[in-house]
Structures are given as structure tokens and as C-alpha cells.
């Protein structure tokens, strides 16, 4: 545990140092100077995400270093010689990995999103001097959830106050579709939305009322194009409640939710990599007793980069809809679990 806490702190600090110097022009500007406190705040808010991200690395390295030391001092041999099972000897390590998985799961589902959002706000407003976190003026295929309405814009611009390919779905409290509006284009004029070539469907039980308007004013839509663009949260910045709420409303409105489901299932599956990491690490740590810590470090780095690469590949497949999101989230874990199980069974040898 001592090694683990040293390593997890070390890899987080290392990441922060590397990231700071890679983006030093963002933090040190001739006009604004260097703002120490906002920079510290920015990286402080990233700590939960970095903890979750680096946890498998820290668990693997601490296993290699601590078990490797036991093996080099022939303590593993001594344990075996008095008839104690290796699985029993390493039971507390497995238990610790389960505890870390629980902590990681909680952080990833409920804490990371909000803290990443705070970090981005600090970076944009307090460090870069912007009035708002993101000065986004144009977007394609924008989906926005507000209250009981789900908006989709094929294209929207805050510079021209216009949009194309508009779909608005209004939901009832029970989640049923109450009204759907399709418009070819829209303009935001004098703080009011005006839609053109509007097809409006109102659903009342089994009855559907259909109306067409060449032009219609929708004063109930309060958000401007600027607000639609700046208030939109990225999936990575949402907590569990916000993400599930978005998934539920988009699903009921009939929109595609591959990206949202992939993010949701990935947040659940990734923390379980900590247990798989231990299953993989312990047999290797016992086996590399005479090869030094550099071997362990090298194996850990290779393993982590392979896992991140495979995860990102399947994440992309899930987002574009080539595979079911739940499969894309769990297949990387399954692959490495299959690799690790034979070593786990041979650990007694």
C-alpha cells in the first residue's frame, strides 16, 4: 500500500508536469502573465479523472515492485515451502483491488464529470480570460436536451442566428411524445425563433393532429443559438444522473444514442480493469524475480498502452454504431481477462 500511494501520486504529478509544459503557452501569456492559483485549481479539479485513469498503472507497478522484492528475497519460496497457497497469500491484494474498483467506479460515475467541467471553466475564464468557458459559434448535428424538450439541429450558427434541419420533440411527464416539430430552417430574430416550412404533429392518445406552416413564430423556445452552443455539455463532463437523463430523453424522442450509451457503459466497465490488472500482474511479478524493476515498469507501460488503444478502438466502433455499445465497453476487459486467467491458475507453480 505504501508503494501504491507513492506510485499513484507520482504518476499523477508526472502527468500534470508533462501536460503543463506541453500547454505552457496557455498558462503563461505575455498579456495576462502567469496566474498561479487558477493553474493550481485547474489541475486540482482534474485529480479525480487522473486518479481513475492512472489507477490500473499504479496497481500494476506496485504489484511488480512489491511482489518482485519478495520474490528476489526468496520470501515467495518460503511461503510456498510451508504450504501456504499463493492465492491465499495474495488475498489482501485482490481485496484491495476490489476496494479500488469501487472507489474508481464512484468517482467515474458521479464526480469526474462535474470536476472536469469545473476545470474547463477555470481554464477558460480564470486563465484564458474568456467571459464564458467556450466561445463556440457553429455546430453540425447538434443535439440539445432542455426540460421536457429535445432539440436537433443539422446546422446551427450563433454568428448568423440561423439554423437548418430542425427537429424538436416535446415529451410528457410520463415520457411519451407529446409534440414533434420539423422545420427546414429557422432564424433567431428579435429574441424570438422563426421557423420556416414547419411540419407540426401533436399527439393526443391515439390521435395525431398534423399542421403545416410556411412560417411560424415559436416564442416558447427561450434559448438563443448562442445559448444552445455554449450551454451544451460534453458527454465527458456529465455525471451519472445527467448522462442517464440525456439517454432516457433522447431514446424516448427517437434520436440516436450510440455515443451516450458507449460513454455510459465505458464508465462502468473501465474501473473493473483494476481487478483484471491484479489478475494479470501477480503471476508476472512472481515470474520476473531476477530481472529487476525495469522489466516490471516496461511490461506495465506496454500493457496500459495496449489496453487504452484497444479501448479507444472499440469505443469508436460503439459511437459510430458498428457494434453494440455494451459490447464495445466490455470486450477490452474480456480480452485481457482471458489473457490473465491462465497465469492466475499457474500462480501456484
Protein backbone atom coordinates (compact mmCIF):
# COMPACT_ATOMS: atom_id res chain seq x y z
CA UNK A 1 0.00 0.00 0.00
CA UNK A 2 2.89 2.33 0.70
CA UNK A 3 4.26 1.69 -2.78
CA UNK A 4 0.81 2.08 -4.29
CA UNK A 5 0.20 5.53 -2.78
CA UNK A 6 3.69 6.69 -3.75
CA UNK A 7 3.20 5.48 -7.32
CA UNK A 8 -0.35 6.84 -7.80
CA UNK A 9 0.78 10.25 -6.55
CA UNK A 10 3.91 10.04 -8.70
CA UNK A 11 2.13 9.21 -11.97
CA UNK A 12 -0.49 11.92 -11.39
CA UNK A 13 2.19 14.53 -10.70
CA UNK A 14 4.17 13.32 -13.72
CA UNK A 15 1.12 13.68 -15.96
CA UNK A 16 0.44 17.20 -14.63
CA UNK A 17 4.06 18.31 -15.17
CA UNK A 18 4.15 16.94 -18.73
CA UNK A 19 0.74 18.45 -19.54
CA UNK A 20 1.76 21.83 -18.09
CA UNK A 21 4.88 22.11 -20.25
CA UNK A 22 3.03 20.86 -23.33
CA UNK A 23 0.47 23.66 -22.87
CA UNK A 24 2.75 26.27 -21.28
CA UNK A 25 1.67 28.96 -23.76
CA UNK A 26 -1.88 28.62 -22.40
CA UNK A 27 -0.80 29.25 -18.81
CA UNK A 28 1.93 31.84 -19.41
CA UNK A 29 0.87 34.67 -21.70
CA UNK A 30 2.71 37.99 -22.24
CA UNK A 31 -0.54 39.98 -21.84
CA UNK A 32 -2.08 38.05 -18.95
CA UNK A 33 1.11 36.84 -17.26
CA UNK A 34 1.16 33.67 -15.18
CA UNK A 35 -1.72 33.04 -12.78
CA UNK A 36 -0.51 30.53 -10.21
CA UNK A 37 -3.68 29.99 -8.16
CA UNK A 38 -6.03 29.38 -11.15
CA UNK A 39 -3.46 26.99 -12.64
CA UNK A 40 -3.35 25.02 -9.37
CA UNK A 41 -7.17 24.99 -9.31
CA UNK A 42 -7.30 23.75 -12.90
CA UNK A 43 -5.10 20.74 -12.18
CA UNK A 44 -6.71 20.12 -8.78
CA UNK A 45 -10.10 19.66 -10.47
CA UNK A 46 -8.52 17.12 -12.82
CA UNK A 47 -7.24 14.91 -9.98
CA UNK A 48 -10.32 12.59 -9.76
CA UNK A 49 -10.14 11.90 -13.51
CA UNK A 50 -6.39 11.34 -13.38
CA UNK A 51 -6.80 9.03 -10.37
CA UNK A 52 -9.31 6.88 -12.27
CA UNK A 53 -7.18 6.92 -15.43
CA UNK A 54 -3.87 6.09 -13.73
CA UNK A 55 -5.18 3.62 -11.16
CA UNK A 56 -4.50 0.47 -13.26
CA UNK A 57 -0.93 1.69 -13.87
CA UNK A 58 -0.34 2.27 -10.15
CA UNK A 59 -1.80 -1.11 -9.17
CA UNK A 60 0.30 -2.95 -11.73
CA UNK A 61 3.55 -1.15 -10.86
CA UNK A 62 3.05 -1.57 -7.10
CA UNK A 63 2.42 -5.29 -7.68
CA UNK A 64 5.57 -5.71 -9.75
CA UNK A 65 7.76 -3.80 -7.31
CA UNK A 66 6.45 -5.24 -4.02
CA UNK A 67 5.95 -8.87 -5.11
CA UNK A 68 9.18 -8.70 -7.11
CA UNK A 69 11.06 -7.71 -3.95
CA UNK A 70 9.51 -10.63 -2.04
CA UNK A 71 10.47 -12.99 -4.83
CA UNK A 72 14.07 -11.73 -5.02
CA UNK A 73 14.46 -12.22 -1.26
CA UNK A 74 13.12 -15.79 -1.60
CA UNK A 75 10.15 -14.95 0.62
CA UNK A 76 7.75 -16.30 -2.03
CA UNK A 77 9.67 -19.60 -1.88
CA UNK A 78 9.44 -19.57 1.93
CA UNK A 79 5.67 -19.05 1.78
CA UNK A 80 5.29 -21.96 -0.64
CA UNK A 81 7.57 -24.20 1.41
CA UNK A 82 5.32 -24.05 4.48
CA UNK A 83 2.26 -24.92 2.39
CA UNK A 84 0.53 -21.54 2.12
CA UNK A 85 -1.31 -21.09 -1.17
CA UNK A 86 -0.21 -18.15 -3.34
CA UNK A 87 -3.84 -17.20 -3.87
CA UNK A 88 -4.30 -17.10 -0.11
CA UNK A 89 -1.06 -15.14 0.37
CA UNK A 90 -2.21 -12.55 -2.16
CA UNK A 91 -5.82 -12.42 -0.92
CA UNK A 92 -5.44 -8.94 0.59
CA UNK A 93 -4.10 -7.63 -2.71
CA UNK A 94 -7.17 -8.93 -4.53
CA UNK A 95 -9.33 -7.38 -1.81
CA UNK A 96 -7.51 -4.05 -2.18
CA UNK A 97 -8.08 -4.10 -5.97
CA UNK A 98 -11.83 -4.63 -5.37
CA UNK A 99 -11.85 -1.66 -2.98
CA UNK A 100 -10.05 0.50 -5.56
CA UNK A 101 -12.52 -0.64 -8.22
CA UNK A 102 -15.41 0.55 -6.03
CA UNK A 103 -13.77 3.93 -5.41
CA UNK A 104 -12.93 4.30 -9.11
CA UNK A 105 -16.50 3.40 -10.10
CA UNK A 106 -17.95 6.01 -7.74
CA UNK A 107 -15.56 8.72 -8.94
CA UNK A 108 -16.08 7.96 -12.64
CA UNK A 109 -19.87 7.90 -12.39
CA UNK A 110 -20.60 10.80 -10.04
CA UNK A 111 -17.54 13.02 -9.52
CA UNK A 112 -15.28 13.09 -12.58
CA UNK A 113 -17.74 14.74 -14.99
CA UNK A 114 -18.54 17.70 -12.71
CA UNK A 115 -14.89 18.26 -11.78
CA UNK A 116 -13.72 18.12 -15.41
CA UNK A 117 -16.38 20.72 -16.20
CA UNK A 118 -15.07 22.93 -13.38
CA UNK A 119 -11.50 22.50 -14.67
CA UNK A 120 -12.53 23.61 -18.16
CA UNK A 121 -14.34 26.63 -16.71
CA UNK A 122 -11.27 27.67 -14.67
CA UNK A 123 -9.03 27.27 -17.71
CA UNK A 124 -11.28 29.32 -19.98
CA UNK A 125 -12.45 32.06 -17.60
CA UNK A 126 -9.72 32.49 -14.97
CA UNK A 127 -6.64 31.53 -17.01
CA UNK A 128 -7.50 32.48 -20.61
CA UNK A 129 -9.68 35.45 -19.63
CA UNK A 130 -12.79 34.47 -21.61
CA UNK A 131 -16.23 35.61 -20.50
CA UNK A 132 -17.62 32.09 -20.96
CA UNK A 133 -15.91 28.67 -20.94
CA UNK A 134 -16.47 28.00 -24.64
CA UNK A 135 -16.96 30.56 -27.37
CA UNK A 136 -18.47 28.14 -29.85
CA UNK A 137 -20.29 29.82 -32.73
CA UNK A 138 -21.18 26.93 -35.09
CA UNK A 139 -22.02 23.25 -34.86
CA UNK A 140 -23.21 20.39 -37.04
CA UNK A 141 -25.60 17.66 -35.86
CA UNK A 142 -26.21 19.31 -32.50
CA UNK A 143 -28.50 17.53 -30.02
CA UNK A 144 -29.63 19.51 -27.00
CA UNK A 145 -31.85 18.49 -24.07
CA UNK A 146 -33.67 21.19 -22.12
CA UNK A 147 -36.50 20.46 -19.70
CA UNK A 148 -39.04 18.28 -21.46
CA UNK A 149 -37.80 19.17 -24.95
CA UNK A 150 -35.15 17.54 -27.14
CA UNK A 151 -33.68 19.66 -29.94
CA UNK A 152 -31.74 18.57 -33.00
CA UNK A 153 -30.10 20.96 -35.48
CA UNK A 154 -28.45 19.72 -38.65
CA UNK A 155 -26.50 23.01 -38.56
CA UNK A 156 -26.69 25.99 -36.21
CA UNK A 157 -24.75 29.28 -36.18
CA UNK A 158 -24.58 31.94 -33.49
CA UNK A 159 -22.95 34.38 -35.93
CA UNK A 160 -25.87 34.42 -38.38
CA UNK A 161 -28.51 33.47 -35.75
CA UNK A 162 -29.78 30.76 -38.07
CA UNK A 163 -30.19 27.00 -38.25
CA UNK A 164 -31.09 24.27 -40.74
CA UNK A 165 -32.68 20.84 -40.43
CA UNK A 166 -34.55 21.43 -37.16
CA UNK A 167 -36.30 18.70 -35.16
CA UNK A 168 -37.93 19.40 -31.77
CA UNK A 169 -39.58 16.67 -29.73
CA UNK A 170 -41.65 17.65 -26.69
CA UNK A 171 -42.23 14.95 -24.07
CA UNK A 172 -44.91 14.49 -21.43
CA UNK A 173 -44.07 13.76 -17.79
CA UNK A 174 -44.60 10.05 -18.43
CA UNK A 175 -42.01 10.18 -21.20
CA UNK A 176 -44.45 9.87 -24.10
CA UNK A 177 -44.04 12.09 -27.16
CA UNK A 178 -46.48 15.00 -26.94
CA UNK A 179 -45.44 17.06 -29.95
CA UNK A 180 -42.93 16.93 -32.77
CA UNK A 181 -41.83 19.88 -34.88
CA UNK A 182 -39.83 19.54 -38.11
CA UNK A 183 -38.62 22.65 -39.92
CA UNK A 184 -36.34 23.11 -42.90
CA UNK A 185 -34.71 26.22 -41.40
CA UNK A 186 -35.01 28.84 -38.69
CA UNK A 187 -33.91 32.37 -37.78
CA UNK A 188 -33.49 33.95 -34.36
CA UNK A 189 -34.96 37.46 -34.86
CA UNK A 190 -35.50 39.99 -32.04
CA UNK A 191 -35.09 37.32 -29.34
CA UNK A 192 -37.68 35.04 -30.96
CA UNK A 193 -37.29 31.90 -33.10
CA UNK A 194 -38.99 31.93 -36.50
CA UNK A 195 -39.16 28.56 -38.30
CA UNK A 196 -39.83 28.02 -41.99
CA UNK A 197 -41.59 25.13 -43.78
CA UNK A 198 -42.84 23.74 -40.49
CA UNK A 199 -44.47 20.33 -40.04
CA UNK A 200 -46.05 20.17 -36.57
CA UNK A 201 -47.54 16.98 -35.14
CA UNK A 202 -49.46 16.99 -31.87
CA UNK A 203 -50.16 13.59 -30.33
CA UNK A 204 -53.17 13.09 -28.05
CA UNK A 205 -53.63 9.42 -27.18
CA UNK A 206 -54.15 7.60 -30.46
CA UNK A 207 -54.91 10.81 -32.36
CA UNK A 208 -52.30 12.77 -34.28
CA UNK A 209 -53.04 16.34 -35.32
CA UNK A 210 -50.94 17.48 -38.28
CA UNK A 211 -50.40 21.10 -39.37
CA UNK A 212 -48.12 22.76 -41.90
CA UNK A 213 -46.87 26.35 -41.72
CA UNK A 214 -44.84 28.20 -44.28
CA UNK A 215 -43.61 30.39 -41.43
CA UNK A 216 -44.28 30.26 -37.70
CA UNK A 217 -43.01 32.04 -34.58
CA UNK A 218 -42.09 29.83 -31.58
CA UNK A 219 -41.88 32.22 -28.65
CA UNK A 220 -41.81 29.34 -26.11
CA UNK A 221 -38.24 28.44 -27.17
CA UNK A 222 -36.19 30.61 -24.82
CA UNK A 223 -32.66 29.53 -25.83
CA UNK A 224 -30.80 31.56 -28.45
CA UNK A 225 -28.34 29.93 -30.90
CA UNK A 226 -25.53 31.24 -28.70
CA UNK A 227 -27.04 29.56 -25.63
CA UNK A 228 -27.62 26.30 -27.48
CA UNK A 229 -23.93 26.26 -28.40
CA UNK A 230 -22.38 27.43 -25.12
CA UNK A 231 -24.58 25.56 -22.63
CA UNK A 232 -24.12 22.18 -24.28
CA UNK A 233 -22.17 19.83 -22.01
CA UNK A 234 -19.83 17.28 -23.49
CA UNK A 235 -20.54 13.69 -22.50
CA UNK A 236 -17.29 13.50 -20.53
CA UNK A 237 -18.46 16.47 -18.41
CA UNK A 238 -21.73 14.86 -17.30
CA UNK A 239 -22.30 12.95 -14.09
CA UNK A 240 -24.34 9.74 -13.96
CA UNK A 241 -27.67 11.48 -13.39
CA UNK A 242 -27.16 13.93 -16.26
CA UNK A 243 -25.98 11.19 -18.61
CA UNK A 244 -28.85 8.80 -17.84
CA UNK A 245 -31.36 11.66 -18.10
CA UNK A 246 -29.99 12.53 -21.54
CA UNK A 247 -30.08 8.90 -22.67
CA UNK A 248 -33.66 8.47 -21.46
CA UNK A 249 -34.98 11.59 -23.17
CA UNK A 250 -33.13 11.04 -26.44
CA UNK A 251 -34.33 7.43 -26.55
CA UNK A 252 -37.96 8.39 -25.96
CA UNK A 253 -37.68 11.13 -28.57
CA UNK A 254 -36.36 8.62 -31.12
CA UNK A 255 -32.85 10.02 -31.53
CA UNK A 256 -29.64 8.02 -31.94
CA UNK A 257 -27.90 7.40 -28.62
CA UNK A 258 -24.86 5.29 -29.56
CA UNK A 259 -22.37 7.86 -28.25
CA UNK A 260 -24.24 8.31 -24.97
CA UNK A 261 -24.63 4.57 -24.36
CA UNK A 262 -20.96 3.94 -25.19
CA UNK A 263 -19.91 6.59 -22.67
CA UNK A 264 -22.27 5.17 -20.03
CA UNK A 265 -21.13 1.54 -20.37
CA UNK A 266 -17.46 2.57 -20.64
CA UNK A 267 -17.68 4.38 -17.30
CA UNK A 268 -18.98 1.20 -15.70
CA UNK A 269 -16.54 -1.19 -17.38
CA UNK A 270 -13.28 0.76 -17.08
CA UNK A 271 -12.94 0.58 -13.24
CA UNK A 272 -13.16 -3.23 -13.39
CA UNK A 273 -9.86 -3.16 -15.25
CA UNK A 274 -8.26 -2.68 -11.83
CA UNK A 275 -9.21 -6.22 -10.79
CA UNK A 276 -8.08 -7.62 -14.15
CA UNK A 277 -4.80 -5.72 -13.75
CA UNK A 278 -4.10 -7.56 -10.49
CA UNK A 279 -5.03 -10.94 -12.02
CA UNK A 280 -2.53 -10.21 -14.81
CA UNK A 281 0.18 -8.66 -12.62
CA UNK A 282 0.68 -11.13 -9.77
CA UNK A 283 1.82 -14.16 -11.83
CA UNK A 284 4.17 -11.96 -13.87
CA UNK A 285 5.54 -10.27 -10.73
CA UNK A 286 6.40 -13.68 -9.24
CA UNK A 287 7.96 -14.85 -12.52
CA UNK A 288 10.30 -11.86 -13.14
CA UNK A 289 12.13 -12.14 -9.81
CA UNK A 290 15.64 -11.92 -11.28
CA UNK A 291 15.07 -9.31 -13.94
CA UNK A 292 14.74 -6.09 -11.96
CA UNK A 293 12.18 -3.36 -11.67
CA UNK A 294 12.80 -2.08 -15.19
CA UNK A 295 11.14 -5.22 -16.56
CA UNK A 296 8.07 -4.62 -14.44
CA UNK A 297 7.89 -0.97 -15.45
CA UNK A 298 8.26 -1.84 -19.14
CA UNK A 299 5.58 -4.53 -19.01
CA UNK A 300 3.19 -2.17 -17.18
CA UNK A 301 3.66 0.59 -19.76
CA UNK A 302 3.15 -1.80 -22.69
CA UNK A 303 0.07 -3.31 -21.07
CA UNK A 304 -1.55 0.06 -20.30
CA UNK A 305 -0.96 1.47 -23.78
CA UNK A 306 -2.34 -1.72 -25.34
CA UNK A 307 -5.43 -1.53 -23.16
CA UNK A 308 -6.03 2.16 -23.87
CA UNK A 309 -5.55 1.54 -27.60
CA UNK A 310 -7.97 -1.39 -27.70
CA UNK A 311 -10.50 0.52 -25.58
CA UNK A 312 -10.42 3.57 -27.86
CA UNK A 313 -10.79 1.38 -30.94
CA UNK A 314 -13.91 -0.32 -29.57
CA UNK A 315 -15.24 2.99 -28.19
CA UNK A 316 -15.12 4.42 -31.72
CA UNK A 317 -16.94 1.36 -33.09
CA UNK A 318 -19.63 1.88 -30.45
CA UNK A 319 -20.05 5.60 -31.16
CA UNK A 320 -20.48 5.08 -34.92
CA UNK A 321 -22.90 2.19 -34.33
CA UNK A 322 -20.82 -0.64 -35.79
CA UNK A 323 -21.15 -2.69 -32.58
CA UNK A 324 -23.48 -2.65 -29.60
CA UNK A 325 -22.23 -0.05 -27.06
CA UNK A 326 -22.34 -2.53 -24.17
CA UNK A 327 -20.11 -4.95 -26.12
CA UNK A 328 -17.68 -2.19 -27.08
CA UNK A 329 -17.31 -1.24 -23.42
CA UNK A 330 -16.72 -4.76 -22.07
CA UNK A 331 -14.78 -6.52 -24.88
CA UNK A 332 -11.40 -4.92 -23.92
CA UNK A 333 -11.85 -6.15 -20.33
CA UNK A 334 -12.81 -9.60 -21.58
CA UNK A 335 -9.76 -9.80 -23.86
CA UNK A 336 -7.30 -9.00 -21.07
CA UNK A 337 -9.16 -11.19 -18.58
CA UNK A 338 -8.79 -14.15 -20.96
CA UNK A 339 -5.07 -13.35 -21.25
CA UNK A 340 -4.68 -13.17 -17.47
CA UNK A 341 -6.68 -16.24 -16.35
CA UNK A 342 -4.09 -18.90 -17.43
CA UNK A 343 -1.40 -17.12 -15.41
CA UNK A 344 -3.72 -16.91 -12.42
CA UNK A 345 -4.22 -20.70 -12.49
CA UNK A 346 -0.46 -21.27 -12.81
CA UNK A 347 0.47 -18.90 -9.98
CA UNK A 348 0.97 -21.82 -7.54
CA UNK A 349 3.77 -23.18 -9.76
